[in-house]
Amino acid sequence: MPVTVIGVDKLTDEFNKLSRAAELSQDRFINTISKQTISLLKQNTPRDTGALANSWYEVLRTRDTTNI
């Protein structure tokens, strides 16, 4: 006797939406951390000419990390 589950398609769609939203939130979080870190590094780098302070940048970004 087959079992019929009502609403599985809707549940699957909701899980997919949640997964995409989590990825967007994670990307926004990494972006915010990167910008804030660079800003703080620039503010706290000693200045003569400002060249060192202005040389901070994001070298590499992956799905869940950023290298500055």
N, C-alpha and C. Protein backbone atom coordinates (compact mmCIF):
# COMPACT_ATOMS: atom_id res chain seq x y z
N MET A 1 0.85 -1.18 0.00
CA MET A 1 0.00 0.00 0.00
C MET A 1 0.90 1.24 0.00
N PRO A 2 0.80 2.10 -1.00
CA PRO A 2 1.64 3.30 -1.08
C PRO A 2 1.21 4.35 -0.04
N VAL A 3 2.19 5.12 0.38
CA VAL A 3 1.94 6.19 1.34
C VAL A 3 2.03 7.51 0.59
N THR A 4 1.04 8.35 0.76
CA THR A 4 1.02 9.65 0.12
C THR A 4 1.22 10.72 1.19
N VAL A 5 2.22 11.56 0.97
CA VAL A 5 2.48 12.64 1.91
C VAL A 5 2.06 13.95 1.24
N ILE A 6 1.15 14.62 1.86
CA ILE A 6 0.64 15.87 1.31
C ILE A 6 1.51 17.02 1.79
N GLY A 7 1.96 17.87 0.88
CA GLY A 7 2.73 19.05 1.25
C GLY A 7 4.23 18.87 1.18
N VAL A 8 4.71 17.73 0.68
CA VAL A 8 6.16 17.51 0.62
C VAL A 8 6.80 18.51 -0.33
N ASP A 9 6.15 18.81 -1.45
CA ASP A 9 6.70 19.77 -2.41
C ASP A 9 6.87 21.15 -1.77
N LYS A 10 5.87 21.57 -1.03
CA LYS A 10 5.94 22.88 -0.37
C LYS A 10 7.05 22.88 0.69
N LEU A 11 7.17 21.81 1.44
CA LEU A 11 8.21 21.70 2.45
C LEU A 11 9.60 21.74 1.80
N THR A 12 9.75 21.03 0.70
CA THR A 12 11.02 21.04 -0.03
C THR A 12 11.35 22.44 -0.52
N ASP A 13 10.36 23.14 -1.06
CA ASP A 13 10.58 24.52 -1.50
C ASP A 13 11.00 25.42 -0.36
N GLU A 14 10.38 25.27 0.78
CA GLU A 14 10.73 26.09 1.94
C GLU A 14 12.15 25.81 2.42
N PHE A 15 12.55 24.55 2.42
CA PHE A 15 13.93 24.22 2.80
C PHE A 15 14.93 24.81 1.80
N ASN A 16 14.58 24.77 0.53
CA ASN A 16 15.46 25.36 -0.49
C ASN A 16 15.58 26.87 -0.31
N LYS A 17 14.49 27.53 -0.01
CA LYS A 17 14.52 28.98 0.25
C LYS A 17 15.38 29.29 1.46
N LEU A 18 15.23 28.50 2.49
CA LEU A 18 16.01 28.70 3.71
C LEU A 18 17.50 28.51 3.42
N SER A 19 17.83 27.53 2.63
CA SER A 19 19.22 27.27 2.28
C SER A 19 19.81 28.45 1.51
N ARG A 20 19.07 28.98 0.55
CA ARG A 20 19.55 30.14 -0.22
C ARG A 20 19.68 31.37 0.67
N ALA A 21 18.75 31.56 1.59
CA ALA A 21 18.81 32.71 2.49
C ALA A 21 20.02 32.60 3.41
N ALA A 22 20.33 31.41 3.87
CA ALA A 22 21.49 31.21 4.74
C ALA A 22 22.78 31.54 3.99
N GLU A 23 22.85 31.15 2.73
CA GLU A 23 24.04 31.47 1.93
C GLU A 23 24.19 32.97 1.75
N LEU A 24 23.09 33.68 1.51
CA LEU A 24 23.14 35.13 1.37
C LEU A 24 23.55 35.78 2.68
N SER A 25 23.02 35.29 3.79
CA SER A 25 23.36 35.84 5.09
C SER A 25 24.84 35.61 5.40
N GLN A 26 25.34 34.44 5.06
CA GLN A 26 26.75 34.14 5.30
C GLN A 26 27.63 35.05 4.45
N ASP A 27 27.25 35.27 3.20
CA ASP A 27 28.02 36.15 2.33
C ASP A 27 28.03 37.58 2.86
N ARG A 28 26.87 38.04 3.32
CA ARG A 28 26.78 39.39 3.91
C ARG A 28 27.63 39.50 5.16
N PHE A 29 27.63 38.45 5.98
CA PHE A 29 28.42 38.44 7.20
C PHE A 29 29.91 38.53 6.88
N ILE A 30 30.38 37.70 5.95
CA ILE A 30 31.79 37.72 5.56
C ILE A 30 32.15 39.08 4.97
N ASN A 31 31.27 39.65 4.18
CA ASN A 31 31.51 40.97 3.60
C ASN A 31 31.63 42.04 4.69
N THR A 32 30.75 42.00 5.66
CA THR A 32 30.79 42.97 6.76
C THR A 32 32.06 42.82 7.58
N ILE A 33 32.42 41.57 7.90
CA ILE A 33 33.64 41.33 8.67
C ILE A 33 34.86 41.84 7.91
N SER A 34 34.92 41.58 6.63
CA SER A 34 36.04 42.02 5.81
C SER A 34 36.16 43.54 5.80
N LYS A 35 35.05 44.22 5.54
CA LYS A 35 35.08 45.70 5.48
C LYS A 35 35.46 46.30 6.84
N GLN A 36 34.89 45.77 7.91
CA GLN A 36 35.16 46.30 9.24
C GLN A 36 36.62 46.05 9.64
N THR A 37 37.13 44.87 9.31
CA THR A 37 38.52 44.55 9.64
C THR A 37 39.48 45.47 8.91
N ILE A 38 39.26 45.66 7.62
CA ILE A 38 40.12 46.56 6.84
C ILE A 38 40.04 47.98 7.38
N SER A 39 38.86 48.41 7.72
CA SER A 39 38.70 49.75 8.28
C SER A 39 39.47 49.91 9.60
N LEU A 40 39.35 48.92 10.48
CA LEU A 40 40.07 48.99 11.76
C LEU A 40 41.58 48.91 11.56
N LEU A 41 42.03 48.08 10.64
CA LEU A 41 43.46 48.00 10.36
C LEU A 41 43.99 49.34 9.85
N LYS A 42 43.25 49.98 8.95
CA LYS A 42 43.67 51.28 8.43
C LYS A 42 43.73 52.32 9.54
N GLN A 43 42.74 52.31 10.41
CA GLN A 43 42.69 53.29 11.49
C GLN A 43 43.82 53.10 12.50
N ASN A 44 44.27 51.86 12.69
CA ASN A 44 45.26 51.57 13.72
C ASN A 44 46.67 51.36 13.19
N THR A 45 46.88 51.61 11.92
CA THR A 45 48.22 51.51 11.34
C THR A 45 48.92 52.86 11.51
N PRO A 46 50.13 52.87 12.05
CA PRO A 46 50.86 54.13 12.18
C PRO A 46 51.04 54.80 10.82
N ARG A 47 51.02 56.14 10.82
CA ARG A 47 51.07 56.87 9.55
C ARG A 47 52.25 57.84 9.52
N ASP A 48 52.97 57.74 8.46
CA ASP A 48 53.90 58.79 8.07
C ASP A 48 53.36 59.38 6.78
N THR A 49 53.28 58.51 5.78
CA THR A 49 52.76 58.95 4.48
C THR A 49 51.34 58.45 4.25
N GLY A 50 50.91 57.44 5.00
CA GLY A 50 49.60 56.84 4.80
C GLY A 50 49.63 55.69 3.81
N ALA A 51 50.80 55.44 3.21
CA ALA A 51 50.90 54.37 2.20
C ALA A 51 50.64 53.00 2.82
N LEU A 52 51.18 52.75 4.00
CA LEU A 52 50.97 51.45 4.65
C LEU A 52 49.50 51.27 5.03
N ALA A 53 48.93 52.28 5.63
CA ALA A 53 47.53 52.19 6.05
C ALA A 53 46.61 51.95 4.86
N ASN A 54 46.92 52.54 3.73
CA ASN A 54 46.08 52.39 2.54
C ASN A 54 46.38 51.12 1.75
N SER A 55 47.32 50.32 2.22
CA SER A 55 47.67 49.11 1.48
C SER A 55 46.90 47.87 1.94
N TRP A 56 46.07 48.00 2.97
CA TRP A 56 45.29 46.85 3.44
C TRP A 56 44.18 46.55 2.44
N TYR A 57 44.02 45.28 2.08
CA TYR A 57 42.94 44.88 1.18
C TYR A 57 42.65 43.39 1.34
N GLU A 58 41.54 42.97 0.78
CA GLU A 58 41.14 41.57 0.83
C GLU A 58 41.89 40.82 -0.27
N VAL A 59 42.69 39.84 0.13
CA VAL A 59 43.51 39.09 -0.81
C VAL A 59 42.69 37.97 -1.45
N LEU A 60 41.95 37.25 -0.63
CA LEU A 60 41.23 36.08 -1.10
C LEU A 60 39.96 35.92 -0.30
N ARG A 61 38.89 35.55 -0.99
CA ARG A 61 37.63 35.25 -0.31
C ARG A 61 37.11 33.92 -0.84
N THR A 62 36.71 33.07 0.09
CA THR A 62 36.04 31.82 -0.28
C THR A 62 34.63 31.90 0.25
N ARG A 63 33.93 30.80 0.16
CA ARG A 63 32.54 30.78 0.61
C ARG A 63 32.39 31.11 2.09
N ASP A 64 33.39 30.72 2.90
CA ASP A 64 33.25 30.93 4.34
C ASP A 64 34.47 31.58 5.01
N THR A 65 35.41 32.11 4.23
CA THR A 65 36.56 32.80 4.82
C THR A 65 36.95 34.01 3.98
N THR A 66 37.72 34.87 4.61
CA THR A 66 38.31 36.00 3.89
C THR A 66 39.73 36.17 4.40
N ASN A 67 40.64 36.46 3.50
CA ASN A 67 42.04 36.69 3.85
C ASN A 67 42.37 38.14 3.54
N ILE A 68 42.94 38.81 4.54
CA ILE A 68 43.27 40.23 4.39
C ILE A 68 44.77 40.40 4.50
